């Protein structure tokens, strides 16, 4: 747990996956509270590790089926943690794209070039582990930034 805390204090955006033989609480729950995105038990590692790594690389969480019921995951809080990695400019651009505005419109409103908006968009998408505007909208809805 201390290693998780130290990694998170150094890089709040670190995507951490725990592979552990400890499959009873409090261990999985404490790992989630410390900031991991995934927890795979050694018993299931051979069948779940690839999927877990792929999910976490996309910024999603993954928990072994055998312990998923033990961890109290707050998806909204996870989205807020992801968004906290963004600069204020990136968050502003994120919000405008989530609302359906084009890059050209965002550039015009912010008095920036479309090329600059594209660069900020690419950076925020990299930080969030996403690759499309629809994923921006999905995250914005789950985080409560965008109302349905």
C-alpha atoms as a PDB file:
ATOM      1  CA  UNK A   1       0.000   0.000   0.000  1.00  0.00           C
ATOM      2  CA  UNK A   2       2.881   2.326   0.742  1.00  0.00           C
ATOM      3  CA  UNK A   3       4.304   1.800  -2.759  1.00  0.00           C
ATOM      4  CA  UNK A   4       0.919   2.692  -4.266  1.00  0.00           C
ATOM      5  CA  UNK A   5       0.712   5.874  -2.199  1.00  0.00           C
ATOM      6  CA  UNK A   6       4.260   6.894  -3.150  1.00  0.00           C
ATOM      7  CA  UNK A   7       3.658   6.271  -6.847  1.00  0.00           C
ATOM      8  CA  UNK A   8       0.394   8.255  -6.720  1.00  0.00           C
ATOM      9  CA  UNK A   9       2.078  11.126  -4.856  1.00  0.00           C
ATOM     10  CA  UNK A  10       4.759  11.279  -7.539  1.00  0.00           C
ATOM     11  CA  UNK A  11       2.340  10.853 -10.465  1.00  0.00           C
ATOM     12  CA  UNK A  12      -1.358  11.262  -9.668  1.00  0.00           C
ATOM     13  CA  UNK A  13      -2.221  10.016 -13.146  1.00  0.00           C
ATOM     14  CA  UNK A  14      -0.319   6.732 -12.797  1.00  0.00           C
ATOM     15  CA  UNK A  15      -2.371   3.727 -13.822  1.00  0.00           C
ATOM     16  CA  UNK A  16      -1.596   1.053 -11.279  1.00  0.00           C
ATOM     17  CA  UNK A  17      -2.548  -2.627 -11.477  1.00  0.00           C
ATOM     18  CA  UNK A  18      -2.033  -4.861  -8.449  1.00  0.00           C
ATOM     19  CA  UNK A  19      -1.443  -8.580  -8.916  1.00  0.00           C
ATOM     20  CA  UNK A  20      -1.758 -10.193  -5.512  1.00  0.00           C
ATOM     21  CA  UNK A  21      -2.379 -13.454  -3.733  1.00  0.00           C
ATOM     22  CA  UNK A  22      -4.412 -11.539  -1.141  1.00  0.00           C
ATOM     23  CA  UNK A  23      -8.004 -11.894  -2.267  1.00  0.00           C
ATOM     24  CA  UNK A  24      -9.931 -11.065   0.889  1.00  0.00           C
ATOM     25  CA  UNK A  25     -10.702  -7.687   2.357  1.00  0.00           C
ATOM     26  CA  UNK A  26      -9.280  -5.395   3.549  1.00  0.00           C
ATOM     27  CA  UNK A  27      -6.503  -5.751   0.917  1.00  0.00           C
ATOM     28  CA  UNK A  28      -8.442  -5.193  -2.337  1.00  0.00           C
ATOM     29  CA  UNK A  29     -10.487  -2.370  -0.805  1.00  0.00           C
ATOM     30  CA  UNK A  30      -7.415  -0.634   0.611  1.00  0.00           C
ATOM     31  CA  UNK A  31      -5.661  -0.879  -2.754  1.00  0.00           C
ATOM     32  CA  UNK A  32      -8.642   0.784  -4.453  1.00  0.00           C
ATOM     33  CA  UNK A  33      -8.725   3.496  -1.792  1.00  0.00           C
ATOM     34  CA  UNK A  34      -5.000   4.052  -2.337  1.00  0.00           C
ATOM     35  CA  UNK A  35      -5.666   4.727  -6.007  1.00  0.00           C
ATOM     36  CA  UNK A  36      -5.165   1.579  -8.090  1.00  0.00           C
ATOM     37  CA  UNK A  37      -7.217   1.108 -11.229  1.00  0.00           C
ATOM     38  CA  UNK A  38      -7.057  -2.651 -11.100  1.00  0.00           C
ATOM     39  CA  UNK A  39      -6.616  -5.632  -8.840  1.00  0.00           C
ATOM     40  CA  UNK A  40      -6.055  -9.119 -10.209  1.00  0.00           C
ATOM     41  CA  UNK A  41      -5.661 -12.136  -7.979  1.00  0.00           C
ATOM     42  CA  UNK A  42      -2.770 -14.489  -8.692  1.00  0.00           C
ATOM     43  CA  UNK A  43      -5.291 -17.302  -8.915  1.00  0.00           C
ATOM     44  CA  UNK A  44      -6.898 -15.583 -11.947  1.00  0.00           C
ATOM     45  CA  UNK A  45      -3.850 -13.778 -13.341  1.00  0.00           C
ATOM     46  CA  UNK A  46      -3.221 -16.148 -16.247  1.00  0.00           C
ATOM     47  CA  UNK A  47      -6.729 -15.686 -17.624  1.00  0.00           C
ATOM     48  CA  UNK A  48      -7.347 -12.036 -16.689  1.00  0.00           C
ATOM     49  CA  UNK A  49      -4.023 -10.208 -16.870  1.00  0.00           C
ATOM     50  CA  UNK A  50      -4.149  -9.265 -20.563  1.00  0.00           C
ATOM     51  CA  UNK A  51      -7.693  -7.904 -20.277  1.00  0.00           C
ATOM     52  CA  UNK A  52      -6.797  -6.024 -17.091  1.00  0.00           C
ATOM     53  CA  UNK A  53      -3.775  -4.347 -18.690  1.00  0.00           C
ATOM     54  CA  UNK A  54      -5.805  -3.366 -21.775  1.00  0.00           C
ATOM     55  CA  UNK A  55      -8.603  -1.884 -19.626  1.00  0.00           C
ATOM     56  CA  UNK A  56      -6.218   0.072 -17.441  1.00  0.00           C
ATOM     57  CA  UNK A  57      -4.270   1.341 -20.466  1.00  0.00           C
ATOM     58  CA  UNK A  58      -7.581   2.899 -21.596  1.00  0.00           C
ATOM     59  CA  UNK A  59      -8.055   4.488 -18.175  1.00  0.00           C
ATOM     60  CA  UNK A  60     -10.767   2.043 -17.125  1.00  0.00           C
ATOM     61  CA  UNK A  61     -10.762  -0.034 -13.979  1.00  0.00           C
ATOM     62  CA  UNK A  62     -10.529  -3.823 -13.792  1.00  0.00           C
ATOM     63  CA  UNK A  63     -11.015  -6.174 -10.846  1.00  0.00           C
ATOM     64  CA  UNK A  64     -10.841  -9.965 -10.809  1.00  0.00           C
ATOM     65  CA  UNK A  65     -14.294 -11.443 -10.824  1.00  0.00           C
ATOM     66  CA  UNK A  66     -13.519 -13.214  -7.551  1.00  0.00           C
ATOM     67  CA  UNK A  67     -12.953  -9.913  -5.699  1.00  0.00           C
ATOM     68  CA  UNK A  68     -15.078  -7.416  -7.647  1.00  0.00           C
ATOM     69  CA  UNK A  69     -17.849  -7.639  -5.056  1.00  0.00           C
ATOM     70  CA  UNK A  70     -15.356  -6.727  -2.305  1.00  0.00           C
ATOM     71  CA  UNK A  71     -14.285  -3.381  -3.681  1.00  0.00           C
ATOM     72  CA  UNK A  72     -16.374  -0.271  -3.335  1.00  0.00           C
ATOM     73  CA  UNK A  73     -15.724   1.504  -6.605  1.00  0.00           C
ATOM     74  CA  UNK A  74     -17.126   4.927  -7.123  1.00  0.00           C
ATOM     75  CA  UNK A  75     -17.124   5.394 -10.884  1.00  0.00           C
ATOM     76  CA  UNK A  76     -17.944   9.097 -10.620  1.00  0.00           C
ATOM     77  CA  UNK A  77     -15.007   9.616  -8.281  1.00  0.00           C
ATOM     78  CA  UNK A  78     -12.787   7.760 -10.752  1.00  0.00           C
ATOM     79  CA  UNK A  79     -13.887  10.153 -13.516  1.00  0.00           C
ATOM     80  CA  UNK A  80     -13.160  13.128 -11.277  1.00  0.00           C
ATOM     81  CA  UNK A  81      -9.693  11.727 -10.553  1.00  0.00           C
ATOM     82  CA  UNK A  82      -9.062  11.367 -14.275  1.00  0.00           C
ATOM     83  CA  UNK A  83     -10.234  14.894 -15.008  1.00  0.00           C
ATOM     84  CA  UNK A  84      -8.061  16.325 -12.238  1.00  0.00           C
ATOM     85  CA  UNK A  85      -5.035  15.492 -14.436  1.00  0.00           C
ATOM     86  CA  UNK A  86      -6.136  18.055 -17.005  1.00  0.00           C
ATOM     87  CA  UNK A  87      -4.932  21.631 -17.052  1.00  0.00           C
ATOM     88  CA  UNK A  88      -7.612  24.323 -16.807  1.00  0.00           C
ATOM     89  CA  UNK A  89      -7.242  25.005 -20.547  1.00  0.00           C
ATOM     90  CA  UNK A  90      -7.593  21.298 -21.370  1.00  0.00           C
ATOM     91  CA  UNK A  91     -10.649  21.040 -19.121  1.00  0.00           C
ATOM     92  CA  UNK A  92     -12.240  24.025 -20.849  1.00  0.00           C
ATOM     93  CA  UNK A  93     -11.607  22.448 -24.260  1.00  0.00           C
ATOM     94  CA  UNK A  94     -12.817  19.077 -22.958  1.00  0.00           C
ATOM     95  CA  UNK A  95     -16.092  20.667 -21.822  1.00  0.00           C
ATOM     96  CA  UNK A  96     -16.679  22.490 -25.091  1.00  0.00           C
ATOM     97  CA  UNK A  97     -16.019  19.368 -27.174  1.00  0.00           C
ATOM     98  CA  UNK A  98     -18.306  17.369 -24.869  1.00  0.00           C
ATOM     99  CA  UNK A  99     -21.029  19.936 -25.540  1.00  0.00           C
ATOM    100  CA  UNK A 100     -20.659  19.193 -29.262  1.00  0.00           C
ATOM    101  CA  UNK A 101     -18.674  22.210 -30.410  1.00  0.00           C
ATOM    102  CA  UNK A 102     -16.300  21.773 -33.346  1.00  0.00           C
ATOM    103  CA  UNK A 103     -12.579  22.396 -33.040  1.00  0.00           C
ATOM    104  CA  UNK A 104     -12.952  25.464 -35.257  1.00  0.00           C
ATOM    105  CA  UNK A 105     -15.692  26.879 -33.022  1.00  0.00           C
ATOM    106  CA  UNK A 106     -13.636  26.211 -29.871  1.00  0.00           C
ATOM    107  CA  UNK A 107     -10.640  27.918 -31.499  1.00  0.00           C
ATOM    108  CA  UNK A 108     -12.741  30.932 -32.413  1.00  0.00           C
ATOM    109  CA  UNK A 109     -14.273  31.294 -28.941  1.00  0.00           C
ATOM    110  CA  UNK A 110     -10.909  30.869 -27.198  1.00  0.00           C
ATOM    111  CA  UNK A 111      -9.048  33.115 -29.667  1.00  0.00           C
ATOM    112  CA  UNK A 112      -6.614  30.319 -30.516  1.00  0.00           C
ATOM    113  CA  UNK A 113      -5.722  28.544 -33.725  1.00  0.00           C
ATOM    114  CA  UNK A 114      -7.449  25.266 -34.601  1.00  0.00           C
ATOM    115  CA  UNK A 115      -3.980  23.666 -34.609  1.00  0.00           C
ATOM    116  CA  UNK A 116      -3.522  24.678 -30.947  1.00  0.00           C
ATOM    117  CA  UNK A 117      -6.956  23.267 -30.045  1.00  0.00           C
ATOM    118  CA  UNK A 118      -6.067  20.009 -31.817  1.00  0.00           C
ATOM    119  CA  UNK A 119      -2.840  19.825 -29.783  1.00  0.00           C
ATOM    120  CA  UNK A 120      -4.687  20.398 -26.483  1.00  0.00           C
ATOM    121  CA  UNK A 121      -7.339  17.853 -27.519  1.00  0.00           C
ATOM    122  CA  UNK A 122      -4.627  15.284 -28.296  1.00  0.00           C
ATOM    123  CA  UNK A 123      -2.976  15.918 -24.913  1.00  0.00           C
ATOM    124  CA  UNK A 124      -6.186  15.587 -22.926  1.00  0.00           C
ATOM    125  CA  UNK A 125      -7.152  12.435 -24.809  1.00  0.00           C
ATOM    126  CA  UNK A 126      -3.727  10.938 -24.089  1.00  0.00           C
ATOM    127  CA  UNK A 127      -4.053  11.787 -20.393  1.00  0.00           C
ATOM    128  CA  UNK A 128      -7.531  10.243 -20.238  1.00  0.00           C
ATOM    129  CA  UNK A 129      -6.566   7.199 -22.294  1.00  0.00           C
ATOM    130  CA  UNK A 130      -9.273   7.798 -24.889  1.00  0.00           C
ATOM    131  CA  UNK A 131      -9.338   8.159 -28.653  1.00  0.00           C
ATOM    132  CA  UNK A 132     -12.605   9.760 -29.740  1.00  0.00           C
ATOM    133  CA  UNK A 133     -15.003  12.619 -29.084  1.00  0.00           C
ATOM    134  CA  UNK A 134     -17.698  10.113 -28.126  1.00  0.00           C
ATOM    135  CA  UNK A 135     -15.476   8.957 -25.251  1.00  0.00           C
ATOM    136  CA  UNK A 136     -15.088  12.605 -24.188  1.00  0.00           C
ATOM    137  CA  UNK A 137     -18.882  12.885 -24.087  1.00  0.00           C
ATOM    138  CA  UNK A 138     -19.192   9.626 -22.148  1.00  0.00           C
ATOM    139  CA  UNK A 139     -16.682  10.740 -19.492  1.00  0.00           C
ATOM    140  CA  UNK A 140     -18.299  14.177 -19.250  1.00  0.00           C
ATOM    141  CA  UNK A 141     -21.707  12.597 -18.655  1.00  0.00           C
ATOM    142  CA  UNK A 142     -20.417  10.200 -15.996  1.00  0.00           C
ATOM    143  CA  UNK A 143     -18.549  13.036 -14.252  1.00  0.00           C
ATOM    144  CA  UNK A 144     -21.661  15.232 -14.245  1.00  0.00           C
ATOM    145  CA  UNK A 145     -20.111  17.895 -16.483  1.00  0.00           C
ATOM    146  CA  UNK A 146     -22.578  17.221 -19.268  1.00  0.00           C
ATOM    147  CA  UNK A 147     -26.259  16.810 -18.471  1.00  0.00           C
ATOM    148  CA  UNK A 148     -28.398  14.411 -20.518  1.00  0.00           C
END
